[in-house]
Amino acid sequence: MPRLFLVSLTCALALAVAGCDRESEQAAQPQAAAELTGTIDRTSAGEAMPAVELTDPSGATLATADLKGTPVLLNLWATWCVPCVTEMPLLDRLAADLGKDVRVLTVSQDMTGAEAVEPFFAERNLGNLPQWLDPENTLGVLAQESGLPLTVLYDAEGKEVWRVAGGYDWAGAEARAAIAEATT
C-alpha cells in the first residue's frame, strides 16, 4: 500500500508541474492580460541559432540556417499561453517599426499548428508577423527552454545576442535599445 501511495503522489506532482507550460484544452483567457515580467539574459550569447526547418500554414518552408545576413528576433509562442497572447500585438508593432532592419519571426509551438494559429492571427489582425509553425517544439528543445514565450535575438551572423524567457514589453525604450545591439 505505501508503494502505491508513493507512485500516486509522484504522478500527481509530475502532472501538476508539467501542466504549468503545457497546452490546455481551453484557449488563453483573453480578459486577463499577463504582466510582462521577462528580463534580458545574456548567458547564452554567442551560441549559434538552431538549424531547423519551419513551415507556414500554406506549407511553405523556412530553414533557419538560411537566415544569416540580417538580425533575427525569434519568438516562440503558443495561442494558449497568456503572456504570449499579451505580447503579440507589441511584437506586431515592433515588426512594423523595424521593417527590414531586423527580421521578426514568430514561431508557434501549438501542437495543432495552423488550425490554432490562423484564426488567432485573423482575430487579432497581426499583419506584420509571419505565421511559422513548430508543432514538435523542436526550437524550444534546442534552445534548452521549457516555458513560453521565449524570444531570442540573433545577430546577422546567426549568433545569439540575448534572450528573454517570459513576456516582455516590446514597445519600451529598453527593448528598442537592446535590439539595436544587433544592428550596430
C-alpha atoms as a PDB file:
ATOM      1  CA  MET A   1       0.000   0.000   0.000  1.00  0.00           C
ATOM      2  CA  PRO A   2       2.770   2.568   0.773  1.00  0.00           C
ATOM      3  CA  ARG A   3       4.322   1.935  -2.649  1.00  0.00           C
ATOM      4  CA  LEU A   4       1.015   2.642  -4.411  1.00  0.00           C
ATOM      5  CA  PHE A   5       0.652   5.872  -2.424  1.00  0.00           C
ATOM      6  CA  LEU A   6       4.196   6.951  -3.369  1.00  0.00           C
ATOM      7  CA  VAL A   7       3.600   6.218  -7.066  1.00  0.00           C
ATOM      8  CA  SER A   8       0.289   8.117  -6.982  1.00  0.00           C
ATOM      9  CA  LEU A   9       1.878  11.079  -5.226  1.00  0.00           C
ATOM     10  CA  THR A  10       4.783  11.143  -7.682  1.00  0.00           C
ATOM     11  CA  CYS A  11       2.411  11.071 -10.665  1.00  0.00           C
ATOM     12  CA  ALA A  12       0.236  13.817  -9.193  1.00  0.00           C
ATOM     13  CA  LEU A  13       3.262  16.054  -8.598  1.00  0.00           C
ATOM     14  CA  ALA A  14       4.615  15.391 -12.088  1.00  0.00           C
ATOM     15  CA  LEU A  15       1.270  16.276 -13.662  1.00  0.00           C
ATOM     16  CA  ALA A  16       0.991  19.453 -11.609  1.00  0.00           C
ATOM     17  CA  VAL A  17       4.454  20.637 -12.610  1.00  0.00           C
ATOM     18  CA  ALA A  18       4.123  19.590 -16.256  1.00  0.00           C
ATOM     19  CA  GLY A  19       0.804  21.390 -16.589  1.00  0.00           C
ATOM     20  CA  CYS A  20       2.306  24.819 -15.979  1.00  0.00           C
ATOM     21  CA  ASP A  21       3.568  25.362 -19.510  1.00  0.00           C
ATOM     22  CA  ARG A  22       1.626  22.798 -21.485  1.00  0.00           C
ATOM     23  CA  GLU A  23      -1.238  23.280 -23.884  1.00  0.00           C
ATOM     24  CA  SER A  24      -4.623  23.021 -22.242  1.00  0.00           C
ATOM     25  CA  GLU A  25      -7.973  22.246 -23.787  1.00  0.00           C
ATOM     26  CA  GLN A  26      -9.004  25.874 -23.416  1.00  0.00           C
ATOM     27  CA  ALA A  27      -7.533  28.868 -25.174  1.00  0.00           C
ATOM     28  CA  ALA A  28      -5.785  31.562 -23.164  1.00  0.00           C
ATOM     29  CA  GLN A  29      -8.252  33.765 -21.326  1.00  0.00           C
ATOM     30  CA  PRO A  30      -8.409  36.998 -23.333  1.00  0.00           C
ATOM     31  CA  GLN A  31      -9.804  39.077 -20.475  1.00  0.00           C
ATOM     32  CA  ALA A  32      -6.716  38.516 -18.302  1.00  0.00           C
ATOM     33  CA  ALA A  33      -3.636  40.204 -19.734  1.00  0.00           C
ATOM     34  CA  ALA A  34      -0.411  38.869 -18.314  1.00  0.00           C
ATOM     35  CA  GLU A  35       2.109  41.013 -16.552  1.00  0.00           C
ATOM     36  CA  LEU A  36       5.194  41.287 -18.775  1.00  0.00           C
ATOM     37  CA  THR A  37       7.957  40.308 -16.363  1.00  0.00           C
ATOM     38  CA  GLY A  38      10.624  38.849 -18.666  1.00  0.00           C
ATOM     39  CA  THR A  39      14.174  40.177 -18.462  1.00  0.00           C
ATOM     40  CA  ILE A  40      17.088  40.111 -20.870  1.00  0.00           C
ATOM     41  CA  ASP A  41      19.501  37.221 -20.277  1.00  0.00           C
ATOM     42  CA  ARG A  42      22.918  37.174 -21.953  1.00  0.00           C
ATOM     43  CA  THR A  43      24.243  33.880 -20.586  1.00  0.00           C
ATOM     44  CA  SER A  44      23.911  32.122 -23.970  1.00  0.00           C
ATOM     45  CA  ALA A  45      25.398  34.977 -26.026  1.00  0.00           C
ATOM     46  CA  GLY A  46      27.470  33.714 -28.930  1.00  0.00           C
ATOM     47  CA  GLU A  47      25.537  30.450 -29.344  1.00  0.00           C
ATOM     48  CA  ALA A  48      24.508  29.636 -32.921  1.00  0.00           C
ATOM     49  CA  MET A  49      20.862  29.744 -33.966  1.00  0.00           C
ATOM     50  CA  PRO A  50      19.479  26.186 -34.044  1.00  0.00           C
ATOM     51  CA  ALA A  51      19.185  24.857 -37.589  1.00  0.00           C
ATOM     52  CA  VAL A  52      15.614  23.661 -38.106  1.00  0.00           C
ATOM     53  CA  GLU A  53      13.040  23.806 -40.852  1.00  0.00           C
ATOM     54  CA  LEU A  54       9.780  25.593 -40.132  1.00  0.00           C
ATOM     55  CA  THR A  55       6.550  25.567 -42.121  1.00  0.00           C
ATOM     56  CA  ASP A  56       3.763  28.087 -42.518  1.00  0.00           C
ATOM     57  CA  PRO A  57       0.042  27.307 -42.829  1.00  0.00           C
ATOM     58  CA  SER A  58       0.287  27.131 -46.641  1.00  0.00           C
ATOM     59  CA  GLY A  59       3.104  24.562 -46.460  1.00  0.00           C
ATOM     60  CA  ALA A  60       5.982  26.897 -47.375  1.00  0.00           C
ATOM     61  CA  THR A  61       9.204  26.149 -45.516  1.00  0.00           C
ATOM     62  CA  LEU A  62      11.933  28.237 -43.935  1.00  0.00           C
ATOM     63  CA  ALA A  63      15.327  26.877 -42.940  1.00  0.00           C
ATOM     64  CA  THR A  64      16.700  28.854 -40.016  1.00  0.00           C
ATOM     65  CA  ALA A  65      20.214  28.103 -41.309  1.00  0.00           C
ATOM     66  CA  ASP A  66      19.411  30.380 -44.283  1.00  0.00           C
ATOM     67  CA  LEU A  67      18.636  33.434 -42.129  1.00  0.00           C
ATOM     68  CA  LYS A  68      22.154  34.866 -41.951  1.00  0.00           C
ATOM     69  CA  GLY A  69      22.726  38.392 -43.224  1.00  0.00           C
ATOM     70  CA  THR A  70      20.037  40.159 -41.187  1.00  0.00           C
ATOM     71  CA  PRO A  71      19.489  40.150 -37.421  1.00  0.00           C
ATOM     72  CA  VAL A  72      16.584  37.941 -36.322  1.00  0.00           C
ATOM     73  CA  LEU A  73      14.275  38.329 -33.341  1.00  0.00           C
ATOM     74  CA  LEU A  74      12.878  34.814 -32.914  1.00  0.00           C
ATOM     75  CA  ASN A  75       9.779  34.471 -30.727  1.00  0.00           C
ATOM     76  CA  LEU A  76       8.475  31.073 -29.618  1.00  0.00           C
ATOM     77  CA  TRP A  77       4.859  31.310 -28.500  1.00  0.00           C
ATOM     78  CA  ALA A  78       1.507  29.498 -28.341  1.00  0.00           C
ATOM     79  CA  THR A  79      -2.133  30.531 -28.543  1.00  0.00           C
ATOM     80  CA  TRP A  80      -2.866  29.074 -25.084  1.00  0.00           C
ATOM     81  CA  CYS A  81      -0.028  30.992 -23.387  1.00  0.00           C
ATOM     82  CA  VAL A  82      -1.380  34.140 -21.684  1.00  0.00           C
ATOM     83  CA  PRO A  83       1.948  36.099 -21.693  1.00  0.00           C
ATOM     84  CA  CYS A  84       2.373  35.160 -25.370  1.00  0.00           C
ATOM     85  CA  VAL A  85      -1.078  36.478 -26.232  1.00  0.00           C
ATOM     86  CA  THR A  86      -0.354  39.685 -24.299  1.00  0.00           C
ATOM     87  CA  GLU A  87       2.907  40.418 -26.119  1.00  0.00           C
ATOM     88  CA  MET A  88       1.842  39.501 -29.676  1.00  0.00           C
ATOM     89  CA  PRO A  89       0.353  42.947 -30.528  1.00  0.00           C
ATOM     90  CA  LEU A  90       3.562  44.537 -29.187  1.00  0.00           C
ATOM     91  CA  LEU A  91       5.651  42.277 -31.425  1.00  0.00           C
ATOM     92  CA  ASP A  92       3.398  43.092 -34.377  1.00  0.00           C
ATOM     93  CA  ARG A  93       4.022  46.842 -33.917  1.00  0.00           C
ATOM     94  CA  LEU A  94       7.733  46.193 -33.367  1.00  0.00           C
ATOM     95  CA  ALA A  95       7.957  44.235 -36.629  1.00  0.00           C
ATOM     96  CA  ALA A  96       6.299  47.124 -38.480  1.00  0.00           C
ATOM     97  CA  ASP A  97       8.698  49.650 -36.915  1.00  0.00           C
ATOM     98  CA  LEU A  98      11.843  47.584 -37.560  1.00  0.00           C
ATOM     99  CA  GLY A  99      10.997  46.892 -41.194  1.00  0.00           C
ATOM    100  CA  LYS A 100      13.873  45.129 -42.912  1.00  0.00           C
ATOM    101  CA  ASP A 101      16.487  46.088 -40.295  1.00  0.00           C
ATOM    102  CA  VAL A 102      15.592  43.132 -38.054  1.00  0.00           C
ATOM    103  CA  ARG A 103      13.533  40.150 -39.121  1.00  0.00           C
ATOM    104  CA  VAL A 104      10.888  39.322 -36.518  1.00  0.00           C
ATOM    105  CA  LEU A 105       9.918  35.637 -36.641  1.00  0.00           C
ATOM    106  CA  THR A 106       7.041  34.312 -34.579  1.00  0.00           C
ATOM    107  CA  VAL A 107       7.067  30.525 -34.336  1.00  0.00           C
ATOM    108  CA  SER A 108       4.021  28.808 -32.868  1.00  0.00           C
ATOM    109  CA  GLN A 109       4.569  25.842 -30.588  1.00  0.00           C
ATOM    110  CA  ASP A 110       0.879  24.859 -30.778  1.00  0.00           C
ATOM    111  CA  MET A 111       0.572  21.123 -31.383  1.00  0.00           C
ATOM    112  CA  THR A 112      -2.425  21.691 -33.677  1.00  0.00           C
ATOM    113  CA  GLY A 113      -0.381  24.031 -35.900  1.00  0.00           C
ATOM    114  CA  ALA A 114      -2.265  26.105 -38.458  1.00  0.00           C
ATOM    115  CA  GLU A 115      -5.628  25.043 -37.020  1.00  0.00           C
ATOM    116  CA  ALA A 116      -4.889  27.185 -33.942  1.00  0.00           C
ATOM    117  CA  VAL A 117      -2.623  29.839 -35.456  1.00  0.00           C
ATOM    118  CA  GLU A 118      -4.570  31.068 -38.488  1.00  0.00           C
ATOM    119  CA  PRO A 119      -7.727  32.064 -36.577  1.00  0.00           C
ATOM    120  CA  PHE A 120      -5.605  33.595 -33.797  1.00  0.00           C
ATOM    121  CA  PHE A 121      -3.829  35.890 -36.288  1.00  0.00           C
ATOM    122  CA  ALA A 122      -7.051  36.726 -38.135  1.00  0.00           C
ATOM    123  CA  GLU A 123      -8.947  37.659 -34.950  1.00  0.00           C
ATOM    124  CA  ARG A 124      -6.143  39.956 -33.789  1.00  0.00           C
ATOM    125  CA  ASN A 125      -5.146  41.431 -37.167  1.00  0.00           C
ATOM    126  CA  LEU A 126      -1.441  40.639 -36.720  1.00  0.00           C
ATOM    127  CA  GLY A 127      -0.463  41.519 -40.272  1.00  0.00           C
ATOM    128  CA  ASN A 128       3.211  42.310 -39.634  1.00  0.00           C
ATOM    129  CA  LEU A 129       4.127  38.924 -38.179  1.00  0.00           C
ATOM    130  CA  PRO A 130       4.775  35.654 -40.004  1.00  0.00           C
ATOM    131  CA  GLN A 131       2.880  32.509 -39.052  1.00  0.00           C
ATOM    132  CA  TRP A 132       5.669  29.953 -38.739  1.00  0.00           C
ATOM    133  CA  LEU A 133       4.824  26.625 -37.139  1.00  0.00           C
ATOM    134  CA  ASP A 134       6.903  24.256 -34.986  1.00  0.00           C
ATOM    135  CA  PRO A 135       4.308  21.830 -33.569  1.00  0.00           C
ATOM    136  CA  GLU A 136       7.001  19.363 -32.465  1.00  0.00           C
ATOM    137  CA  ASN A 137       8.622  22.096 -30.307  1.00  0.00           C
ATOM    138  CA  THR A 138      11.988  21.453 -31.953  1.00  0.00           C
ATOM    139  CA  LEU A 139      13.202  25.016 -31.418  1.00  0.00           C
ATOM    140  CA  GLY A 140      12.168  25.063 -27.771  1.00  0.00           C
ATOM    141  CA  VAL A 141      14.075  21.868 -27.109  1.00  0.00           C
ATOM    142  CA  LEU A 142      17.165  23.057 -28.989  1.00  0.00           C
ATOM    143  CA  ALA A 143      17.026  26.412 -27.172  1.00  0.00           C
ATOM    144  CA  GLN A 144      17.003  24.431 -23.902  1.00  0.00           C
ATOM    145  CA  GLU A 145      13.960  26.279 -22.581  1.00  0.00           C
ATOM    146  CA  SER A 146      10.764  24.735 -21.309  1.00  0.00           C
ATOM    147  CA  GLY A 147       8.472  27.750 -20.911  1.00  0.00           C
ATOM    148  CA  LEU A 148       6.818  30.190 -23.244  1.00  0.00           C
ATOM    149  CA  PRO A 149       7.175  32.783 -24.529  1.00  0.00           C
ATOM    150  CA  LEU A 150      10.851  32.671 -25.373  1.00  0.00           C
ATOM    151  CA  THR A 151      12.363  35.372 -27.559  1.00  0.00           C
ATOM    152  CA  VAL A 152      15.960  35.264 -28.780  1.00  0.00           C
ATOM    153  CA  LEU A 153      17.825  37.999 -30.650  1.00  0.00           C
ATOM    154  CA  TYR A 154      20.412  36.741 -33.148  1.00  0.00           C
ATOM    155  CA  ASP A 155      22.894  38.973 -34.934  1.00  0.00           C
ATOM    156  CA  ALA A 156      23.407  38.957 -38.714  1.00  0.00           C
ATOM    157  CA  GLU A 157      25.882  36.083 -38.337  1.00  0.00           C
ATOM    158  CA  GLY A 158      23.280  33.898 -36.602  1.00  0.00           C
ATOM    159  CA  LYS A 159      24.847  34.200 -33.128  1.00  0.00           C
ATOM    160  CA  GLU A 160      22.732  34.789 -30.051  1.00  0.00           C
ATOM    161  CA  VAL A 161      22.944  38.280 -28.556  1.00  0.00           C
ATOM    162  CA  TRP A 162      20.426  37.772 -25.721  1.00  0.00           C
ATOM    163  CA  ARG A 163      17.155  36.065 -24.831  1.00  0.00           C
ATOM    164  CA  VAL A 164      14.031  36.800 -22.841  1.00  0.00           C
ATOM    165  CA  ALA A 165      12.116  33.988 -21.128  1.00  0.00           C
ATOM    166  CA  GLY A 166       8.608  35.199 -20.361  1.00  0.00           C
ATOM    167  CA  GLY A 167       6.522  38.087 -21.617  1.00  0.00           C
ATOM    168  CA  TYR A 168       8.346  41.340 -22.389  1.00  0.00           C
ATOM    169  CA  ASP A 169       7.389  44.939 -23.149  1.00  0.00           C
ATOM    170  CA  TRP A 170       8.479  45.152 -26.796  1.00  0.00           C
ATOM    171  CA  ALA A 171       7.158  48.728 -27.050  1.00  0.00           C
ATOM    172  CA  GLY A 172       9.514  50.070 -24.384  1.00  0.00           C
ATOM    173  CA  ALA A 173      12.727  52.038 -24.851  1.00  0.00           C
ATOM    174  CA  GLU A 174      14.751  49.253 -23.179  1.00  0.00           C
ATOM    175  CA  ALA A 175      13.612  46.760 -25.842  1.00  0.00           C
ATOM    176  CA  ARG A 176      14.457  49.121 -28.699  1.00  0.00           C
ATOM    177  CA  ALA A 177      17.940  49.811 -27.285  1.00  0.00           C
ATOM    178  CA  ALA A 178      18.612  46.109 -26.751  1.00  0.00           C
ATOM    179  CA  ILE A 179      17.519  45.228 -30.293  1.00  0.00           C
ATOM    180  CA  ALA A 180      19.778  47.952 -31.666  1.00  0.00           C
ATOM    181  CA  GLU A 181      22.747  45.956 -30.329  1.00  0.00           C
ATOM    182  CA  ALA A 182      22.287  43.503 -33.205  1.00  0.00           C
ATOM    183  CA  THR A 183      22.188  46.195 -35.878  1.00  0.00           C
ATOM    184  CA  THR A 184      25.395  48.038 -34.975  1.00  0.00           C
END
